[in-house]
């Protein structure tokens, strides 16, 4: 996503990696988007809401500013909280939808890539998920293919490729080299995302079959990781951990000025001038991000381990 200093991307849509949030901007205007299908499901007992956005064709892709494919968003208010009773239900829910997009995973060689910078907590989700995975590919060389069948587990390898500032290489370059040598049939990439709403930070999981563009949510675009660039099926799994400061300020000021009786034209002019300030280059994360990333990464890794078993 190409971020500009007006809280929108190149297509004029809000700063966010979540397809659901892009779709919501159209709903507010009561606009039906041709080529886009929206499905919602809410489990009141589990307090888990699942929204599926399906972009069916080029018209839908152009309107949404996202590739054709399926985007499943799982909203779970307790995801980042220390609640053991909620861990198992949300883990099963995430695993269920990963399998729905990935199809049969039991007999496929799978590579998991944990994207992000391990040294920057809001960006450390991917590497921490990889740390908790049950890796099995090396066991084949030691015990043979029959071992995995007896243990009822899949052929799983994993890598945390770091970021370009650390390696001097695009993530896509690193992964293409690994794929060429290990020949997986499916790549699962995990990354921290950016959200439009502060209420979705550390409480939302997006799963998509379209791949991902690392760093896009914060305007640090890298080459896309998808089937076209990597040559194999790609499933992307992400959790929003940051929101841009300008969005928070803009939302707060718009609400305040509206209550004070300012007209839409006055509000728009004020916000246009405000967004030219340097705050547009700042991103915000919750103060308990350390604990949240640790818990969420464990939940995601457990969901993935369930998929591989």
C-alpha atoms as a PDB file:
ATOM      1  CA  UNK A   1       0.000   0.000   0.000  1.00  0.00           C
ATOM      2  CA  UNK A   2       1.523   3.306  -1.106  1.00  0.00           C
ATOM      3  CA  UNK A   3       1.024   5.680   1.813  1.00  0.00           C
ATOM      4  CA  UNK A   4       0.712   9.426   1.289  1.00  0.00           C
ATOM      5  CA  UNK A   5       0.478  12.216   3.869  1.00  0.00           C
ATOM      6  CA  UNK A   6      -3.302  12.588   3.681  1.00  0.00           C
ATOM      7  CA  UNK A   7      -4.222   9.427   5.615  1.00  0.00           C
ATOM      8  CA  UNK A   8      -5.028   7.596   2.376  1.00  0.00           C
ATOM      9  CA  UNK A   9      -3.259   5.371  -0.091  1.00  0.00           C
ATOM     10  CA  UNK A  10      -2.791   5.997  -3.787  1.00  0.00           C
ATOM     11  CA  UNK A  11      -6.370   4.943  -4.488  1.00  0.00           C
ATOM     12  CA  UNK A  12      -7.734   7.441  -1.981  1.00  0.00           C
ATOM     13  CA  UNK A  13      -8.562   4.704   0.553  1.00  0.00           C
ATOM     14  CA  UNK A  14      -7.690   4.851   4.274  1.00  0.00           C
ATOM     15  CA  UNK A  15      -4.364   3.668   5.628  1.00  0.00           C
ATOM     16  CA  UNK A  16      -4.938   0.040   6.532  1.00  0.00           C
ATOM     17  CA  UNK A  17      -3.830  -3.476   5.653  1.00  0.00           C
ATOM     18  CA  UNK A  18      -7.282  -4.843   6.493  1.00  0.00           C
ATOM     19  CA  UNK A  19      -9.651  -5.455   3.572  1.00  0.00           C
ATOM     20  CA  UNK A  20     -12.543  -5.263   6.026  1.00  0.00           C
ATOM     21  CA  UNK A  21     -11.706  -1.663   6.943  1.00  0.00           C
ATOM     22  CA  UNK A  22     -11.472  -0.658   3.293  1.00  0.00           C
ATOM     23  CA  UNK A  23     -14.871  -2.245   2.674  1.00  0.00           C
ATOM     24  CA  UNK A  24     -16.372  -0.395   5.650  1.00  0.00           C
ATOM     25  CA  UNK A  25     -15.595   2.983   4.113  1.00  0.00           C
ATOM     26  CA  UNK A  26     -17.949   2.147   1.242  1.00  0.00           C
ATOM     27  CA  UNK A  27     -20.662   0.816   3.544  1.00  0.00           C
ATOM     28  CA  UNK A  28     -20.817   4.143   5.335  1.00  0.00           C
ATOM     29  CA  UNK A  29     -21.814   5.719   2.039  1.00  0.00           C
ATOM     30  CA  UNK A  30     -24.354   2.932   1.319  1.00  0.00           C
ATOM     31  CA  UNK A  31     -22.398   1.993  -1.786  1.00  0.00           C
ATOM     32  CA  UNK A  32     -22.467  -1.544  -3.170  1.00  0.00           C
ATOM     33  CA  UNK A  33     -19.163  -2.440  -4.785  1.00  0.00           C
ATOM     34  CA  UNK A  34     -19.397  -4.399  -8.016  1.00  0.00           C
ATOM     35  CA  UNK A  35     -17.174  -7.460  -7.863  1.00  0.00           C
ATOM     36  CA  UNK A  36     -16.957  -7.540  -4.058  1.00  0.00           C
ATOM     37  CA  UNK A  37     -18.894  -9.937  -1.805  1.00  0.00           C
ATOM     38  CA  UNK A  38     -19.225  -9.451   1.957  1.00  0.00           C
ATOM     39  CA  UNK A  39     -20.185 -12.209   4.419  1.00  0.00           C
ATOM     40  CA  UNK A  40     -20.469 -11.865   8.207  1.00  0.00           C
ATOM     41  CA  UNK A  41     -20.817 -14.367  11.037  1.00  0.00           C
ATOM     42  CA  UNK A  42     -20.900 -13.669  14.779  1.00  0.00           C
ATOM     43  CA  UNK A  43     -20.595 -16.258  17.545  1.00  0.00           C
ATOM     44  CA  UNK A  44     -22.099 -14.534  20.566  1.00  0.00           C
ATOM     45  CA  UNK A  45     -21.006 -17.263  22.986  1.00  0.00           C
ATOM     46  CA  UNK A  46     -17.346 -17.076  21.933  1.00  0.00           C
ATOM     47  CA  UNK A  47     -17.532 -13.330  21.185  1.00  0.00           C
ATOM     48  CA  UNK A  48     -15.816 -13.902  17.848  1.00  0.00           C
ATOM     49  CA  UNK A  49     -16.875 -12.104  14.663  1.00  0.00           C
ATOM     50  CA  UNK A  50     -15.734 -13.418  11.282  1.00  0.00           C
ATOM     51  CA  UNK A  51     -16.070 -11.267   8.176  1.00  0.00           C
ATOM     52  CA  UNK A  52     -15.176 -12.544   4.721  1.00  0.00           C
ATOM     53  CA  UNK A  53     -14.474 -10.110   1.899  1.00  0.00           C
ATOM     54  CA  UNK A  54     -14.230 -11.749  -1.519  1.00  0.00           C
ATOM     55  CA  UNK A  55     -12.841  -9.658  -4.369  1.00  0.00           C
ATOM     56  CA  UNK A  56     -14.090 -11.462  -7.455  1.00  0.00           C
ATOM     57  CA  UNK A  57     -12.804  -9.455 -10.408  1.00  0.00           C
ATOM     58  CA  UNK A  58     -10.752  -6.509 -11.620  1.00  0.00           C
ATOM     59  CA  UNK A  59     -13.508  -3.976 -10.953  1.00  0.00           C
ATOM     60  CA  UNK A  60     -13.655  -5.062  -7.340  1.00  0.00           C
ATOM     61  CA  UNK A  61      -9.866  -5.046  -7.087  1.00  0.00           C
ATOM     62  CA  UNK A  62      -9.636  -1.516  -8.512  1.00  0.00           C
ATOM     63  CA  UNK A  63     -12.322  -0.236  -6.149  1.00  0.00           C
ATOM     64  CA  UNK A  64     -10.762  -1.844  -3.083  1.00  0.00           C
ATOM     65  CA  UNK A  65      -7.150  -1.221  -4.022  1.00  0.00           C
ATOM     66  CA  UNK A  66      -6.366  -4.870  -3.245  1.00  0.00           C
ATOM     67  CA  UNK A  67      -5.700  -8.014  -5.313  1.00  0.00           C
ATOM     68  CA  UNK A  68      -8.431 -10.447  -6.334  1.00  0.00           C
ATOM     69  CA  UNK A  69      -8.917 -13.104  -3.668  1.00  0.00           C
ATOM     70  CA  UNK A  70     -10.461 -13.934  -0.297  1.00  0.00           C
ATOM     71  CA  UNK A  71      -9.816 -11.955   2.898  1.00  0.00           C
ATOM     72  CA  UNK A  72     -11.054 -13.458   6.169  1.00  0.00           C
ATOM     73  CA  UNK A  73     -11.009 -11.185   9.216  1.00  0.00           C
ATOM     74  CA  UNK A  74     -11.429 -12.684  12.684  1.00  0.00           C
ATOM     75  CA  UNK A  75     -12.239 -10.099  15.361  1.00  0.00           C
ATOM     76  CA  UNK A  76     -11.682 -11.359  18.902  1.00  0.00           C
ATOM     77  CA  UNK A  77     -11.643  -8.695  21.663  1.00  0.00           C
ATOM     78  CA  UNK A  78      -9.862 -11.062  24.058  1.00  0.00           C
ATOM     79  CA  UNK A  79      -7.134 -12.107  21.611  1.00  0.00           C
ATOM     80  CA  UNK A  80      -4.412 -10.048  23.258  1.00  0.00           C
ATOM     81  CA  UNK A  81      -5.622 -10.564  26.824  1.00  0.00           C
ATOM     82  CA  UNK A  82      -4.340 -13.035  29.399  1.00  0.00           C
ATOM     83  CA  UNK A  83      -7.376 -15.303  29.346  1.00  0.00           C
ATOM     84  CA  UNK A  84      -6.545 -19.011  29.121  1.00  0.00           C
ATOM     85  CA  UNK A  85     -10.210 -19.978  28.689  1.00  0.00           C
ATOM     86  CA  UNK A  86     -10.323 -17.988  25.445  1.00  0.00           C
ATOM     87  CA  UNK A  87      -7.062 -19.346  24.041  1.00  0.00           C
ATOM     88  CA  UNK A  88      -8.402 -22.699  22.832  1.00  0.00           C
ATOM     89  CA  UNK A  89     -11.569 -21.367  21.085  1.00  0.00           C
ATOM     90  CA  UNK A  90      -9.716 -18.654  19.167  1.00  0.00           C
ATOM     91  CA  UNK A  91      -6.907 -21.058  18.262  1.00  0.00           C
ATOM     92  CA  UNK A  92      -9.422 -23.501  16.754  1.00  0.00           C
ATOM     93  CA  UNK A  93     -11.178 -20.685  14.902  1.00  0.00           C
ATOM     94  CA  UNK A  94      -7.944 -19.420  13.319  1.00  0.00           C
ATOM     95  CA  UNK A  95      -6.892 -22.955  12.359  1.00  0.00           C
ATOM     96  CA  UNK A  96     -10.297 -23.575  10.803  1.00  0.00           C
ATOM     97  CA  UNK A  97     -10.043 -20.635   8.416  1.00  0.00           C
ATOM     98  CA  UNK A  98      -6.395 -21.243   7.540  1.00  0.00           C
ATOM     99  CA  UNK A  99      -7.420 -24.735   6.424  1.00  0.00           C
ATOM    100  CA  UNK A 100     -10.386 -23.292   4.552  1.00  0.00           C
ATOM    101  CA  UNK A 101      -8.110 -21.152   2.378  1.00  0.00           C
ATOM    102  CA  UNK A 102      -5.127 -23.509   2.172  1.00  0.00           C
ATOM    103  CA  UNK A 103      -7.036 -26.720   1.465  1.00  0.00           C
ATOM    104  CA  UNK A 104      -5.374 -30.078   2.176  1.00  0.00           C
ATOM    105  CA  UNK A 105      -2.206 -29.415   4.215  1.00  0.00           C
ATOM    106  CA  UNK A 106      -1.469 -32.895   5.554  1.00  0.00           C
ATOM    107  CA  UNK A 107       0.421 -34.136   2.506  1.00  0.00           C
ATOM    108  CA  UNK A 108       2.048 -30.878   1.419  1.00  0.00           C
ATOM    109  CA  UNK A 109       5.538 -29.567   2.089  1.00  0.00           C
ATOM    110  CA  UNK A 110       5.001 -26.252   3.867  1.00  0.00           C
ATOM    111  CA  UNK A 111       7.344 -23.317   4.416  1.00  0.00           C
ATOM    112  CA  UNK A 112       6.392 -20.771   7.095  1.00  0.00           C
ATOM    113  CA  UNK A 113       8.004 -17.330   6.837  1.00  0.00           C
ATOM    114  CA  UNK A 114       7.854 -15.056   9.884  1.00  0.00           C
ATOM    115  CA  UNK A 115       8.290 -11.560   8.467  1.00  0.00           C
ATOM    116  CA  UNK A 116       9.383  -8.513  10.426  1.00  0.00           C
ATOM    117  CA  UNK A 117      12.121  -7.099  12.615  1.00  0.00           C
ATOM    118  CA  UNK A 118      12.662  -9.117  15.773  1.00  0.00           C
ATOM    119  CA  UNK A 119      14.270  -6.069  17.455  1.00  0.00           C
ATOM    120  CA  UNK A 120      11.159  -3.879  17.049  1.00  0.00           C
ATOM    121  CA  UNK A 121       8.363  -5.274  19.228  1.00  0.00           C
ATOM    122  CA  UNK A 122       5.316  -4.240  17.128  1.00  0.00           C
ATOM    123  CA  UNK A 123       7.056  -5.810  14.116  1.00  0.00           C
ATOM    124  CA  UNK A 124       8.237  -8.982  15.875  1.00  0.00           C
ATOM    125  CA  UNK A 125       5.050 -11.013  15.461  1.00  0.00           C
ATOM    126  CA  UNK A 126       6.297 -13.146  12.554  1.00  0.00           C
ATOM    127  CA  UNK A 127       9.649 -14.156  14.095  1.00  0.00           C
ATOM    128  CA  UNK A 128       8.018 -14.960  17.438  1.00  0.00           C
ATOM    129  CA  UNK A 129       5.405 -17.176  15.771  1.00  0.00           C
ATOM    130  CA  UNK A 130       8.180 -19.106  14.021  1.00  0.00           C
ATOM    131  CA  UNK A 131       9.969 -19.568  17.366  1.00  0.00           C
ATOM    132  CA  UNK A 132       6.956 -21.516  18.675  1.00  0.00           C
ATOM    133  CA  UNK A 133       6.299 -23.747  15.660  1.00  0.00           C
ATOM    134  CA  UNK A 134       6.806 -27.502  15.598  1.00  0.00           C
ATOM    135  CA  UNK A 135       9.338 -27.891  12.767  1.00  0.00           C
ATOM    136  CA  UNK A 136       9.580 -31.340  11.190  1.00  0.00           C
ATOM    137  CA  UNK A 137      11.314 -31.201   7.781  1.00  0.00           C
ATOM    138  CA  UNK A 138      14.735 -32.106   9.204  1.00  0.00           C
ATOM    139  CA  UNK A 139      13.293 -35.244  10.812  1.00  0.00           C
ATOM    140  CA  UNK A 140      12.725 -36.791   7.375  1.00  0.00           C
ATOM    141  CA  UNK A 141      16.457 -36.917   6.718  1.00  0.00           C
ATOM    142  CA  UNK A 142      17.051 -38.561  10.073  1.00  0.00           C
ATOM    143  CA  UNK A 143      14.113 -40.967  10.320  1.00  0.00           C
ATOM    144  CA  UNK A 144      12.607 -41.104   6.816  1.00  0.00           C
ATOM    145  CA  UNK A 145       9.161 -40.132   5.468  1.00  0.00           C
ATOM    146  CA  UNK A 146       7.494 -42.906   7.446  1.00  0.00           C
ATOM    147  CA  UNK A 147       8.297 -41.126  10.693  1.00  0.00           C
ATOM    148  CA  UNK A 148       6.035 -38.171   9.894  1.00  0.00           C
ATOM    149  CA  UNK A 149       3.212 -40.514   8.914  1.00  0.00           C
ATOM    150  CA  UNK A 150       3.516 -42.413  12.191  1.00  0.00           C
ATOM    151  CA  UNK A 151       3.546 -39.162  14.131  1.00  0.00           C
ATOM    152  CA  UNK A 152       0.622 -37.838  12.085  1.00  0.00           C
ATOM    153  CA  UNK A 153       2.350 -34.561  11.341  1.00  0.00           C
ATOM    154  CA  UNK A 154       3.224 -32.585   8.239  1.00  0.00           C
ATOM    155  CA  UNK A 155       6.474 -31.638   6.526  1.00  0.00           C
ATOM    156  CA  UNK A 156       7.118 -28.165   7.928  1.00  0.00           C
ATOM    157  CA  UNK A 157      10.113 -25.846   7.600  1.00  0.00           C
ATOM    158  CA  UNK A 158      10.360 -22.213   8.730  1.00  0.00           C
ATOM    159  CA  UNK A 159      12.465 -19.093   8.363  1.00  0.00           C
ATOM    160  CA  UNK A 160      12.589 -15.582   9.829  1.00  0.00           C
ATOM    161  CA  UNK A 161      14.248 -13.716   6.952  1.00  0.00           C
ATOM    162  CA  UNK A 162      14.619 -10.386   8.773  1.00  0.00           C
ATOM    163  CA  UNK A 163      14.155  -7.055   7.033  1.00  0.00           C
ATOM    164  CA  UNK A 164      16.047  -5.389   4.218  1.00  0.00           C
ATOM    165  CA  UNK A 165      17.889  -3.012   6.565  1.00  0.00           C
ATOM    166  CA  UNK A 166      19.370  -6.054   8.329  1.00  0.00           C
ATOM    167  CA  UNK A 167      20.121  -8.288   5.349  1.00  0.00           C
ATOM    168  CA  UNK A 168      20.442  -6.001   2.334  1.00  0.00           C
ATOM    169  CA  UNK A 169      18.070  -8.338   0.515  1.00  0.00           C
ATOM    170  CA  UNK A 170      14.400  -8.218  -0.377  1.00  0.00           C
ATOM    171  CA  UNK A 171      12.352 -10.791   1.522  1.00  0.00           C
ATOM    172  CA  UNK A 172      11.153 -12.088  -1.840  1.00  0.00           C
ATOM    173  CA  UNK A 173      14.760 -12.734  -2.882  1.00  0.00           C
ATOM    174  CA  UNK A 174      15.464 -14.698   0.297  1.00  0.00           C
ATOM    175  CA  UNK A 175      12.296 -16.765  -0.022  1.00  0.00           C
ATOM    176  CA  UNK A 176      12.780 -17.495  -3.720  1.00  0.00           C
ATOM    177  CA  UNK A 177      16.215 -18.930  -2.951  1.00  0.00           C
ATOM    178  CA  UNK A 178      14.811 -21.118  -0.163  1.00  0.00           C
ATOM    179  CA  UNK A 179      11.886 -22.248  -2.316  1.00  0.00           C
ATOM    180  CA  UNK A 180      14.230 -23.175  -5.159  1.00  0.00           C
ATOM    181  CA  UNK A 181      16.274 -25.407  -2.820  1.00  0.00           C
ATOM    182  CA  UNK A 182      13.544 -26.926  -0.610  1.00  0.00           C
ATOM    183  CA  UNK A 183      10.609 -26.956  -3.076  1.00  0.00           C
ATOM    184  CA  UNK A 184       7.645 -26.445  -0.712  1.00  0.00           C
ATOM    185  CA  UNK A 185       4.128 -26.692  -2.131  1.00  0.00           C
ATOM    186  CA  UNK A 186       2.712 -23.972   0.126  1.00  0.00           C
ATOM    187  CA  UNK A 187       4.167 -20.863   1.760  1.00  0.00           C
ATOM    188  CA  UNK A 188       2.516 -19.295   4.814  1.00  0.00           C
ATOM    189  CA  UNK A 189       3.730 -15.772   5.555  1.00  0.00           C
ATOM    190  CA  UNK A 190       3.070 -14.085   8.896  1.00  0.00           C
ATOM    191  CA  UNK A 191       3.420 -10.348   9.416  1.00  0.00           C
ATOM    192  CA  UNK A 192       2.353  -7.475  11.641  1.00  0.00           C
ATOM    193  CA  UNK A 193      -0.188  -5.185   9.967  1.00  0.00           C
ATOM    194  CA  UNK A 194      -1.450  -1.612  10.255  1.00  0.00           C
ATOM    195  CA  UNK A 195      -5.092  -0.872  11.076  1.00  0.00           C
ATOM    196  CA  UNK A 196      -7.374   2.104  10.555  1.00  0.00           C
ATOM    197  CA  UNK A 197      -9.114   1.683  13.926  1.00  0.00           C
ATOM    198  CA  UNK A 198      -7.402   1.577  17.311  1.00  0.00           C
ATOM    199  CA  UNK A 199     -10.092  -0.865  18.446  1.00  0.00           C
ATOM    200  CA  UNK A 200      -8.721  -3.569  16.142  1.00  0.00           C
ATOM    201  CA  UNK A 201      -5.119  -3.418  17.345  1.00  0.00           C
ATOM    202  CA  UNK A 202      -3.998  -6.787  18.748  1.00  0.00           C
ATOM    203  CA  UNK A 203      -7.603  -8.023  18.544  1.00  0.00           C
ATOM    204  CA  UNK A 204      -7.900  -8.953  14.882  1.00  0.00           C
ATOM    205  CA  UNK A 205      -6.478 -11.646  12.600  1.00  0.00           C
ATOM    206  CA  UNK A 206      -6.596 -11.379   8.803  1.00  0.00           C
ATOM    207  CA  UNK A 207      -6.104 -14.491   6.677  1.00  0.00           C
ATOM    208  CA  UNK A 208      -5.887 -14.189   2.900  1.00  0.00           C
ATOM    209  CA  UNK A 209      -4.939 -16.252  -0.141  1.00  0.00           C
ATOM    210  CA  UNK A 210      -3.561 -13.225  -2.003  1.00  0.00           C
ATOM    211  CA  UNK A 211      -0.163 -13.046  -0.328  1.00  0.00           C
ATOM    212  CA  UNK A 212       1.236  -9.869   1.190  1.00  0.00           C
ATOM    213  CA  UNK A 213       3.389  -6.797   0.530  1.00  0.00           C
ATOM    214  CA  UNK A 214       5.703  -6.511   3.581  1.00  0.00           C
ATOM    215  CA  UNK A 215       5.699  -3.079   5.222  1.00  0.00           C
ATOM    216  CA  UNK A 216       2.899  -1.739   3.037  1.00  0.00           C
ATOM    217  CA  UNK A 217       0.757  -0.572   5.944  1.00  0.00           C
ATOM    218  CA  UNK A 218       3.406   1.869   7.143  1.00  0.00           C
ATOM    219  CA  UNK A 219       4.415   3.087   3.690  1.00  0.00           C
ATOM    220  CA  UNK A 220       7.586   0.969   3.535  1.00  0.00           C
ATOM    221  CA  UNK A 221       6.690  -1.052   0.462  1.00  0.00           C
ATOM    222  CA  UNK A 222       8.667  -4.159  -0.414  1.00  0.00           C
ATOM    223  CA  UNK A 223       8.099  -6.564  -3.276  1.00  0.00           C
ATOM    224  CA  UNK A 224       4.902  -8.586  -2.972  1.00  0.00           C
ATOM    225  CA  UNK A 225       5.004 -12.163  -1.751  1.00  0.00           C
ATOM    226  CA  UNK A 226       2.374 -14.066  -3.730  1.00  0.00           C
ATOM    227  CA  UNK A 227       2.001 -16.975  -6.124  1.00  0.00           C
ATOM    228  CA  UNK A 228       3.160 -14.853  -9.060  1.00  0.00           C
ATOM    229  CA  UNK A 229       6.422 -13.802  -7.379  1.00  0.00           C
ATOM    230  CA  UNK A 230       7.225 -17.018  -5.485  1.00  0.00           C
ATOM    231  CA  UNK A 231       5.826 -19.640  -7.845  1.00  0.00           C
ATOM    232  CA  UNK A 232       3.838 -21.510  -5.171  1.00  0.00           C
ATOM    233  CA  UNK A 233       0.554 -21.017  -3.320  1.00  0.00           C
ATOM    234  CA  UNK A 234       0.779 -18.358  -0.600  1.00  0.00           C
ATOM    235  CA  UNK A 235      -1.409 -17.843   2.461  1.00  0.00           C
ATOM    236  CA  UNK A 236      -0.861 -14.635   4.451  1.00  0.00           C
ATOM    237  CA  UNK A 237      -1.641 -14.355   8.145  1.00  0.00           C
ATOM    238  CA  UNK A 238      -1.472 -11.013   9.950  1.00  0.00           C
ATOM    239  CA  UNK A 239      -2.444  -9.094  13.065  1.00  0.00           C
ATOM    240  CA  UNK A 240      -2.634  -5.261  13.180  1.00  0.00           C
ATOM    241  CA  UNK A 241      -0.243  -3.913  15.803  1.00  0.00           C
ATOM    242  CA  UNK A 242       0.042  -0.239  14.784  1.00  0.00           C
ATOM    243  CA  UNK A 243      -2.166   2.637  13.667  1.00  0.00           C
ATOM    244  CA  UNK A 244      -0.870   5.907  12.217  1.00  0.00           C
ATOM    245  CA  UNK A 245      -0.956   8.874  14.585  1.00  0.00           C
ATOM    246  CA  UNK A 246      -2.532  11.164  11.991  1.00  0.00           C
ATOM    247  CA  UNK A 247      -5.584   8.909  11.833  1.00  0.00           C
ATOM    248  CA  UNK A 248      -6.074   9.084  15.593  1.00  0.00           C
ATOM    249  CA  UNK A 249      -5.729  12.872  15.604  1.00  0.00           C
ATOM    250  CA  UNK A 250      -7.973  13.270  12.558  1.00  0.00           C
ATOM    251  CA  UNK A 251     -10.758  11.105  13.966  1.00  0.00           C
ATOM    252  CA  UNK A 252     -10.636  12.904  17.313  1.00  0.00           C
ATOM    253  CA  UNK A 253     -10.632  16.383  15.773  1.00  0.00           C
ATOM    254  CA  UNK A 254     -13.398  15.570  13.284  1.00  0.00           C
ATOM    255  CA  UNK A 255     -15.661  14.351  16.070  1.00  0.00           C
ATOM    256  CA  UNK A 256     -14.870  17.385  18.226  1.00  0.00           C
ATOM    257  CA  UNK A 257     -15.392  19.941  15.442  1.00  0.00           C
ATOM    258  CA  UNK A 258     -18.622  18.275  14.330  1.00  0.00           C
ATOM    259  CA  UNK A 259     -19.999  18.509  17.872  1.00  0.00           C
ATOM    260  CA  UNK A 260     -18.966  22.179  17.974  1.00  0.00           C
ATOM    261  CA  UNK A 261     -21.078  22.924  14.913  1.00  0.00           C
ATOM    262  CA  UNK A 262     -18.388  23.277  12.216  1.00  0.00           C
ATOM    263  CA  UNK A 263     -19.505  22.478   8.669  1.00  0.00           C
ATOM    264  CA  UNK A 264     -18.091  19.715   6.496  1.00  0.00           C
ATOM    265  CA  UNK A 265     -16.182  22.207   4.334  1.00  0.00           C
ATOM    266  CA  UNK A 266     -14.523  23.818   7.360  1.00  0.00           C
ATOM    267  CA  UNK A 267     -13.635  20.465   8.854  1.00  0.00           C
ATOM    268  CA  UNK A 268     -12.176  19.228   5.567  1.00  0.00           C
ATOM    269  CA  UNK A 269     -10.054  22.368   5.145  1.00  0.00           C
ATOM    270  CA  UNK A 270      -8.753  22.136   8.708  1.00  0.00           C
ATOM    271  CA  UNK A 271      -7.929  18.414   8.379  1.00  0.00           C
ATOM    272  CA  UNK A 272      -6.127  18.985   5.075  1.00  0.00           C
ATOM    273  CA  UNK A 273      -3.850  21.532   6.723  1.00  0.00           C
ATOM    274  CA  UNK A 274      -3.370  19.360   9.796  1.00  0.00           C
ATOM    275  CA  UNK A 275      -2.319  16.327   7.770  1.00  0.00           C
ATOM    276  CA  UNK A 276       0.544  18.231   6.191  1.00  0.00           C
ATOM    277  CA  UNK A 277       2.332  18.215   9.542  1.00  0.00           C
ATOM    278  CA  UNK A 278       5.040  15.686  10.446  1.00  0.00           C
ATOM    279  CA  UNK A 279       2.606  13.651  12.539  1.00  0.00           C
ATOM    280  CA  UNK A 280       1.723  11.893   9.296  1.00  0.00           C
ATOM    281  CA  UNK A 281       4.997   9.952   9.561  1.00  0.00           C
ATOM    282  CA  UNK A 282       4.319   8.598  13.039  1.00  0.00           C
ATOM    283  CA  UNK A 283       2.718   5.288  14.035  1.00  0.00           C
ATOM    284  CA  UNK A 284       1.299   4.316  17.417  1.00  0.00           C
ATOM    285  CA  UNK A 285       1.147   0.981  19.221  1.00  0.00           C
ATOM    286  CA  UNK A 286      -0.483   0.041  22.580  1.00  0.00           C
ATOM    287  CA  UNK A 287       1.659   0.332  25.713  1.00  0.00           C
ATOM    288  CA  UNK A 288       1.240  -3.379  26.520  1.00  0.00           C
ATOM    289  CA  UNK A 289       2.558  -4.433  23.114  1.00  0.00           C
ATOM    290  CA  UNK A 290       5.297  -6.659  24.588  1.00  0.00           C
ATOM    291  CA  UNK A 291       2.841  -8.891  26.436  1.00  0.00           C
ATOM    292  CA  UNK A 292       0.333  -8.808  23.578  1.00  0.00           C
ATOM    293  CA  UNK A 293       2.829  -9.905  20.924  1.00  0.00           C
ATOM    294  CA  UNK A 294       4.014 -12.748  23.140  1.00  0.00           C
ATOM    295  CA  UNK A 295       0.473 -14.046  23.704  1.00  0.00           C
ATOM    296  CA  UNK A 296      -0.745 -13.535  20.146  1.00  0.00           C
ATOM    297  CA  UNK A 297       2.330 -15.172  18.618  1.00  0.00           C
ATOM    298  CA  UNK A 298       1.747 -18.209  20.814  1.00  0.00           C
ATOM    299  CA  UNK A 299      -1.912 -18.372  19.768  1.00  0.00           C
ATOM    300  CA  UNK A 300      -1.047 -18.143  16.061  1.00  0.00           C
ATOM    301  CA  UNK A 301       1.694 -20.768  16.342  1.00  0.00           C
ATOM    302  CA  UNK A 302      -0.693 -23.152  18.114  1.00  0.00           C
ATOM    303  CA  UNK A 303      -3.262 -22.614  15.360  1.00  0.00           C
ATOM    304  CA  UNK A 304      -0.666 -23.396  12.714  1.00  0.00           C
ATOM    305  CA  UNK A 305       0.546 -26.473  14.599  1.00  0.00           C
ATOM    306  CA  UNK A 306      -3.050 -27.727  14.622  1.00  0.00           C
ATOM    307  CA  UNK A 307      -3.198 -27.281  10.850  1.00  0.00           C
ATOM    308  CA  UNK A 308      -0.034 -29.339  10.333  1.00  0.00           C
ATOM    309  CA  UNK A 309      -1.016 -32.242  12.611  1.00  0.00           C
END
